[in-house]
Amino acid sequence: MTDFAARVDVLIAEHFALHPLHATAAGIHDHDGRWPDMTDAGRAERVAFCDRSSAELAQMATGDLEPDERIDADFLRSELAAQRFAEVELREEAWSPLEWVYLLGDGIFGLLARDFAPLAERLTSVIGRLEGMPALLEAGRHVLIGVEGRPVDRFHTEKALAQF
């Protein structure tokens, strides 16, 4: 394994630790009993991860990477830029109640819909997420207040209530 591949493995593991639902969807089940940290501190941690990882990948891309590694580095940097945009600019969790409905639904559905482990093991993860739901909803109460220029969206609120 090259240094680049080893570092990418670490980067992906860090991403999945910060985004447990992405990990579950990708078939990585180390974080199945957890929710992402949706507080301001959690968002700051995700932004710092994007910045740190992007800088590291940019530095690596100037080194002695193979052509396919350079392409992978560019792809990862563009994905990190998209994640950073979502966390800093778009901020759907701050103005769209639908974002919270999707988060809650995906967090439970992903564990039940796929037969990746015995049901008892998957239900243990469901219990972990259900136990973490009050803290997640509390974060939602603090975060779902709109951002400058984008108040909480009425249409999204109505649709969220209908779906919830």
C-alpha atoms as a PDB file:
ATOM      1  CA  MET A   1       0.000   0.000   0.000  1.00  0.00           C
ATOM      2  CA  THR A   2       1.359   3.415  -0.958  1.00  0.00           C
ATOM      3  CA  ASP A   3       1.588   6.318   1.483  1.00  0.00           C
ATOM      4  CA  PHE A   4      -1.198   8.003  -0.470  1.00  0.00           C
ATOM      5  CA  ALA A   5      -3.517   4.988  -0.179  1.00  0.00           C
ATOM      6  CA  ALA A   6      -2.789   4.674   3.542  1.00  0.00           C
ATOM      7  CA  ARG A   7      -3.570   8.359   4.103  1.00  0.00           C
ATOM      8  CA  VAL A   8      -6.791   8.096   2.079  1.00  0.00           C
ATOM      9  CA  ASP A   9      -7.846   5.148   4.250  1.00  0.00           C
ATOM     10  CA  VAL A  10      -7.331   7.314   7.346  1.00  0.00           C
ATOM     11  CA  LEU A  11      -9.199  10.224   5.751  1.00  0.00           C
ATOM     12  CA  ILE A  12     -12.166   7.989   4.881  1.00  0.00           C
ATOM     13  CA  ALA A  13     -12.204   6.524   8.393  1.00  0.00           C
ATOM     14  CA  GLU A  14     -12.239  10.068   9.834  1.00  0.00           C
ATOM     15  CA  HIS A  15     -15.070  11.014   7.476  1.00  0.00           C
ATOM     16  CA  PHE A  16     -17.145   8.016   8.564  1.00  0.00           C
ATOM     17  CA  ALA A  17     -16.547   8.798  12.243  1.00  0.00           C
ATOM     18  CA  LEU A  18     -17.931  12.303  11.645  1.00  0.00           C
ATOM     19  CA  HIS A  19     -20.770  11.027   9.411  1.00  0.00           C
ATOM     20  CA  PRO A  20     -22.041   7.772  10.950  1.00  0.00           C
ATOM     21  CA  LEU A  21     -25.034   7.539   8.588  1.00  0.00           C
ATOM     22  CA  HIS A  22     -22.696   7.731   5.574  1.00  0.00           C
ATOM     23  CA  ALA A  23     -20.696   4.902   7.119  1.00  0.00           C
ATOM     24  CA  THR A  24     -23.789   2.748   7.550  1.00  0.00           C
ATOM     25  CA  ALA A  25     -24.882   3.435   3.968  1.00  0.00           C
ATOM     26  CA  ALA A  26     -21.399   2.505   2.703  1.00  0.00           C
ATOM     27  CA  GLY A  27     -21.396  -0.780   4.601  1.00  0.00           C
ATOM     28  CA  ILE A  28     -19.027   0.373   7.355  1.00  0.00           C
ATOM     29  CA  HIS A  29     -20.747  -0.570  10.592  1.00  0.00           C
ATOM     30  CA  ASP A  30     -18.318   0.745  13.208  1.00  0.00           C
ATOM     31  CA  HIS A  31     -20.578   3.726  13.969  1.00  0.00           C
ATOM     32  CA  ASP A  32     -24.045   2.228  13.563  1.00  0.00           C
ATOM     33  CA  GLY A  33     -25.261   3.110  17.053  1.00  0.00           C
ATOM     34  CA  ARG A  34     -24.436   6.835  16.751  1.00  0.00           C
ATOM     35  CA  TRP A  35     -25.805   9.983  15.164  1.00  0.00           C
ATOM     36  CA  PRO A  36     -23.633  12.709  13.708  1.00  0.00           C
ATOM     37  CA  ASP A  37     -22.936  15.579  16.089  1.00  0.00           C
ATOM     38  CA  MET A  38     -25.361  18.191  14.764  1.00  0.00           C
ATOM     39  CA  THR A  39     -24.408  20.867  17.281  1.00  0.00           C
ATOM     40  CA  ASP A  40     -22.390  23.928  16.308  1.00  0.00           C
ATOM     41  CA  ALA A  41     -19.331  22.202  17.776  1.00  0.00           C
ATOM     42  CA  GLY A  42     -19.941  19.160  15.563  1.00  0.00           C
ATOM     43  CA  ARG A  43     -20.297  21.362  12.498  1.00  0.00           C
ATOM     44  CA  ALA A  44     -17.062  23.165  13.390  1.00  0.00           C
ATOM     45  CA  GLU A  45     -15.325  19.802  13.690  1.00  0.00           C
ATOM     46  CA  ARG A  46     -16.596  18.731  10.256  1.00  0.00           C
ATOM     47  CA  VAL A  47     -15.458  22.032   8.687  1.00  0.00           C
ATOM     48  CA  ALA A  48     -12.021  21.689  10.307  1.00  0.00           C
ATOM     49  CA  PHE A  49     -11.798  18.139   8.927  1.00  0.00           C
ATOM     50  CA  CYS A  50     -12.610  19.417   5.420  1.00  0.00           C
ATOM     51  CA  ASP A  51     -10.024  22.185   5.655  1.00  0.00           C
ATOM     52  CA  ARG A  52      -7.299  19.998   7.124  1.00  0.00           C
ATOM     53  CA  SER A  53      -7.897  17.135   4.692  1.00  0.00           C
ATOM     54  CA  SER A  54      -8.114  19.431   1.655  1.00  0.00           C
ATOM     55  CA  ALA A  55      -4.808  21.077   2.560  1.00  0.00           C
ATOM     56  CA  GLU A  56      -3.149  17.715   3.048  1.00  0.00           C
ATOM     57  CA  LEU A  57      -4.456  16.393  -0.268  1.00  0.00           C
ATOM     58  CA  ALA A  58      -3.322  19.559  -2.057  1.00  0.00           C
ATOM     59  CA  GLN A  59       0.152  19.142  -0.615  1.00  0.00           C
ATOM     60  CA  MET A  60       0.231  15.468  -1.601  1.00  0.00           C
ATOM     61  CA  ALA A  61      -0.921  16.277  -5.152  1.00  0.00           C
ATOM     62  CA  THR A  62       2.222  18.324  -5.712  1.00  0.00           C
ATOM     63  CA  GLY A  63       4.384  15.345  -4.754  1.00  0.00           C
ATOM     64  CA  ASP A  64       5.256  12.138  -6.525  1.00  0.00           C
ATOM     65  CA  LEU A  65       1.782  10.713  -6.994  1.00  0.00           C
ATOM     66  CA  GLU A  66       0.903   8.310  -9.747  1.00  0.00           C
ATOM     67  CA  PRO A  67      -1.562   9.724 -12.290  1.00  0.00           C
ATOM     68  CA  ASP A  68      -4.477   7.726 -10.851  1.00  0.00           C
ATOM     69  CA  GLU A  69      -3.590   8.892  -7.336  1.00  0.00           C
ATOM     70  CA  ARG A  70      -3.537  12.505  -8.537  1.00  0.00           C
ATOM     71  CA  ILE A  71      -7.028  11.995  -9.999  1.00  0.00           C
ATOM     72  CA  ASP A  72      -8.196  10.452  -6.712  1.00  0.00           C
ATOM     73  CA  ALA A  73      -6.725  13.371  -4.757  1.00  0.00           C
ATOM     74  CA  ASP A  74      -8.516  15.886  -7.002  1.00  0.00           C
ATOM     75  CA  PHE A  75     -11.783  13.973  -6.666  1.00  0.00           C
ATOM     76  CA  LEU A  76     -11.484  13.836  -2.873  1.00  0.00           C
ATOM     77  CA  ARG A  77     -10.680  17.549  -2.711  1.00  0.00           C
ATOM     78  CA  SER A  78     -13.794  18.341  -4.744  1.00  0.00           C
ATOM     79  CA  GLU A  79     -15.908  16.156  -2.431  1.00  0.00           C
ATOM     80  CA  LEU A  80     -14.432  17.896   0.603  1.00  0.00           C
ATOM     81  CA  ALA A  81     -15.167  21.284  -0.974  1.00  0.00           C
ATOM     82  CA  ALA A  82     -18.792  20.216  -1.500  1.00  0.00           C
ATOM     83  CA  GLN A  83     -19.031  19.058   2.119  1.00  0.00           C
ATOM     84  CA  ARG A  84     -17.522  22.340   3.310  1.00  0.00           C
ATOM     85  CA  PHE A  85     -20.000  24.307   1.173  1.00  0.00           C
ATOM     86  CA  ALA A  86     -22.876  22.332   2.724  1.00  0.00           C
ATOM     87  CA  GLU A  87     -21.586  23.001   6.251  1.00  0.00           C
ATOM     88  CA  VAL A  88     -20.659  26.690   5.834  1.00  0.00           C
ATOM     89  CA  GLU A  89     -22.845  28.148   3.090  1.00  0.00           C
ATOM     90  CA  LEU A  90     -25.879  25.953   2.427  1.00  0.00           C
ATOM     91  CA  ARG A  91     -26.613  25.071   6.065  1.00  0.00           C
ATOM     92  CA  GLU A  92     -29.819  23.124   5.282  1.00  0.00           C
ATOM     93  CA  GLU A  93     -30.019  21.881   8.870  1.00  0.00           C
ATOM     94  CA  ALA A  94     -30.480  25.501   9.989  1.00  0.00           C
ATOM     95  CA  TRP A  95     -33.440  26.402   7.761  1.00  0.00           C
ATOM     96  CA  SER A  96     -35.004  23.168   6.446  1.00  0.00           C
ATOM     97  CA  PRO A  97     -36.970  20.979   8.842  1.00  0.00           C
ATOM     98  CA  LEU A  98     -37.050  18.394   6.046  1.00  0.00           C
ATOM     99  CA  GLU A  99     -33.313  17.917   6.552  1.00  0.00           C
ATOM    100  CA  TRP A 100     -34.032  16.714  10.083  1.00  0.00           C
ATOM    101  CA  VAL A 101     -36.827  14.378   8.942  1.00  0.00           C
ATOM    102  CA  TYR A 102     -34.447  12.849   6.389  1.00  0.00           C
ATOM    103  CA  LEU A 103     -31.679  12.559   8.968  1.00  0.00           C
ATOM    104  CA  LEU A 104     -33.931  10.759  11.442  1.00  0.00           C
ATOM    105  CA  GLY A 105     -35.437   8.500   8.807  1.00  0.00           C
ATOM    106  CA  ASP A 106     -32.118   7.606   7.190  1.00  0.00           C
ATOM    107  CA  GLY A 107     -30.589   6.895  10.585  1.00  0.00           C
ATOM    108  CA  ILE A 108     -33.123   4.203  11.374  1.00  0.00           C
ATOM    109  CA  PHE A 109     -34.040   2.975   7.890  1.00  0.00           C
ATOM    110  CA  GLY A 110     -30.441   2.247   6.920  1.00  0.00           C
ATOM    111  CA  LEU A 111     -30.121  -0.177   9.803  1.00  0.00           C
ATOM    112  CA  LEU A 112     -33.379  -2.001   9.136  1.00  0.00           C
ATOM    113  CA  ALA A 113     -33.590  -2.103   5.344  1.00  0.00           C
ATOM    114  CA  ARG A 114     -30.369  -3.978   4.642  1.00  0.00           C
ATOM    115  CA  ASP A 115     -29.699  -7.471   5.874  1.00  0.00           C
ATOM    116  CA  PHE A 116     -25.978  -6.856   6.590  1.00  0.00           C
ATOM    117  CA  ALA A 117     -25.957  -8.527  10.017  1.00  0.00           C
ATOM    118  CA  PRO A 118     -28.259 -10.639  12.163  1.00  0.00           C
ATOM    119  CA  LEU A 119     -31.411  -8.769  13.148  1.00  0.00           C
ATOM    120  CA  ALA A 120     -30.439  -8.719  16.844  1.00  0.00           C
ATOM    121  CA  GLU A 121     -27.185  -6.940  16.012  1.00  0.00           C
ATOM    122  CA  ARG A 122     -28.921  -4.396  13.773  1.00  0.00           C
ATOM    123  CA  LEU A 123     -31.581  -3.778  16.428  1.00  0.00           C
ATOM    124  CA  THR A 124     -28.851  -3.109  18.978  1.00  0.00           C
ATOM    125  CA  SER A 125     -27.647  -0.323  16.689  1.00  0.00           C
ATOM    126  CA  VAL A 126     -31.220   0.921  16.274  1.00  0.00           C
ATOM    127  CA  ILE A 127     -31.514   1.067  20.073  1.00  0.00           C
ATOM    128  CA  GLY A 128     -28.285   3.079  20.232  1.00  0.00           C
ATOM    129  CA  ARG A 129     -29.646   5.570  17.736  1.00  0.00           C
ATOM    130  CA  LEU A 130     -33.040   5.711  19.457  1.00  0.00           C
ATOM    131  CA  GLU A 131     -31.302   6.415  22.764  1.00  0.00           C
ATOM    132  CA  GLY A 132     -29.321   9.177  21.065  1.00  0.00           C
ATOM    133  CA  MET A 133     -32.413  10.722  19.493  1.00  0.00           C
ATOM    134  CA  PRO A 134     -33.232  13.116  22.383  1.00  0.00           C
ATOM    135  CA  ALA A 135     -29.775  14.707  22.113  1.00  0.00           C
ATOM    136  CA  LEU A 136     -30.112  14.908  18.334  1.00  0.00           C
ATOM    137  CA  LEU A 137     -33.517  16.583  18.629  1.00  0.00           C
ATOM    138  CA  GLU A 138     -32.139  18.977  21.237  1.00  0.00           C
ATOM    139  CA  ALA A 139     -29.412  19.953  18.777  1.00  0.00           C
ATOM    140  CA  GLY A 140     -32.158  20.518  16.220  1.00  0.00           C
ATOM    141  CA  ARG A 141     -33.937  22.903  18.577  1.00  0.00           C
ATOM    142  CA  HIS A 142     -30.784  25.027  18.770  1.00  0.00           C
ATOM    143  CA  VAL A 143     -29.722  24.773  15.133  1.00  0.00           C
ATOM    144  CA  LEU A 144     -33.049  25.004  13.266  1.00  0.00           C
ATOM    145  CA  ILE A 145     -33.436  28.763  13.644  1.00  0.00           C
ATOM    146  CA  GLY A 146     -32.494  29.953  10.174  1.00  0.00           C
ATOM    147  CA  VAL A 147     -29.367  31.701   9.001  1.00  0.00           C
ATOM    148  CA  GLU A 148     -28.819  35.200   7.694  1.00  0.00           C
ATOM    149  CA  GLY A 149     -30.907  35.619   4.571  1.00  0.00           C
ATOM    150  CA  ARG A 150     -32.571  32.220   4.978  1.00  0.00           C
ATOM    151  CA  PRO A 151     -35.193  31.922   7.689  1.00  0.00           C
ATOM    152  CA  VAL A 152     -36.731  28.556   8.502  1.00  0.00           C
ATOM    153  CA  ASP A 153     -38.635  27.699   5.347  1.00  0.00           C
ATOM    154  CA  ARG A 154     -42.416  27.521   5.681  1.00  0.00           C
ATOM    155  CA  PHE A 155     -42.888  25.089   2.774  1.00  0.00           C
ATOM    156  CA  HIS A 156     -40.219  22.751   4.134  1.00  0.00           C
ATOM    157  CA  THR A 157     -41.821  22.998   7.579  1.00  0.00           C
ATOM    158  CA  GLU A 158     -45.229  22.029   6.216  1.00  0.00           C
ATOM    159  CA  LYS A 159     -43.764  19.104   4.269  1.00  0.00           C
ATOM    160  CA  ALA A 160     -41.695  17.983   7.259  1.00  0.00           C
ATOM    161  CA  LEU A 161     -44.779  17.949   9.473  1.00  0.00           C
ATOM    162  CA  ALA A 162     -46.703  15.971   6.854  1.00  0.00           C
ATOM    163  CA  GLN A 163     -43.897  13.415   6.482  1.00  0.00           C
ATOM    164  CA  PHE A 164     -43.077  13.147  10.152  1.00  0.00           C
END
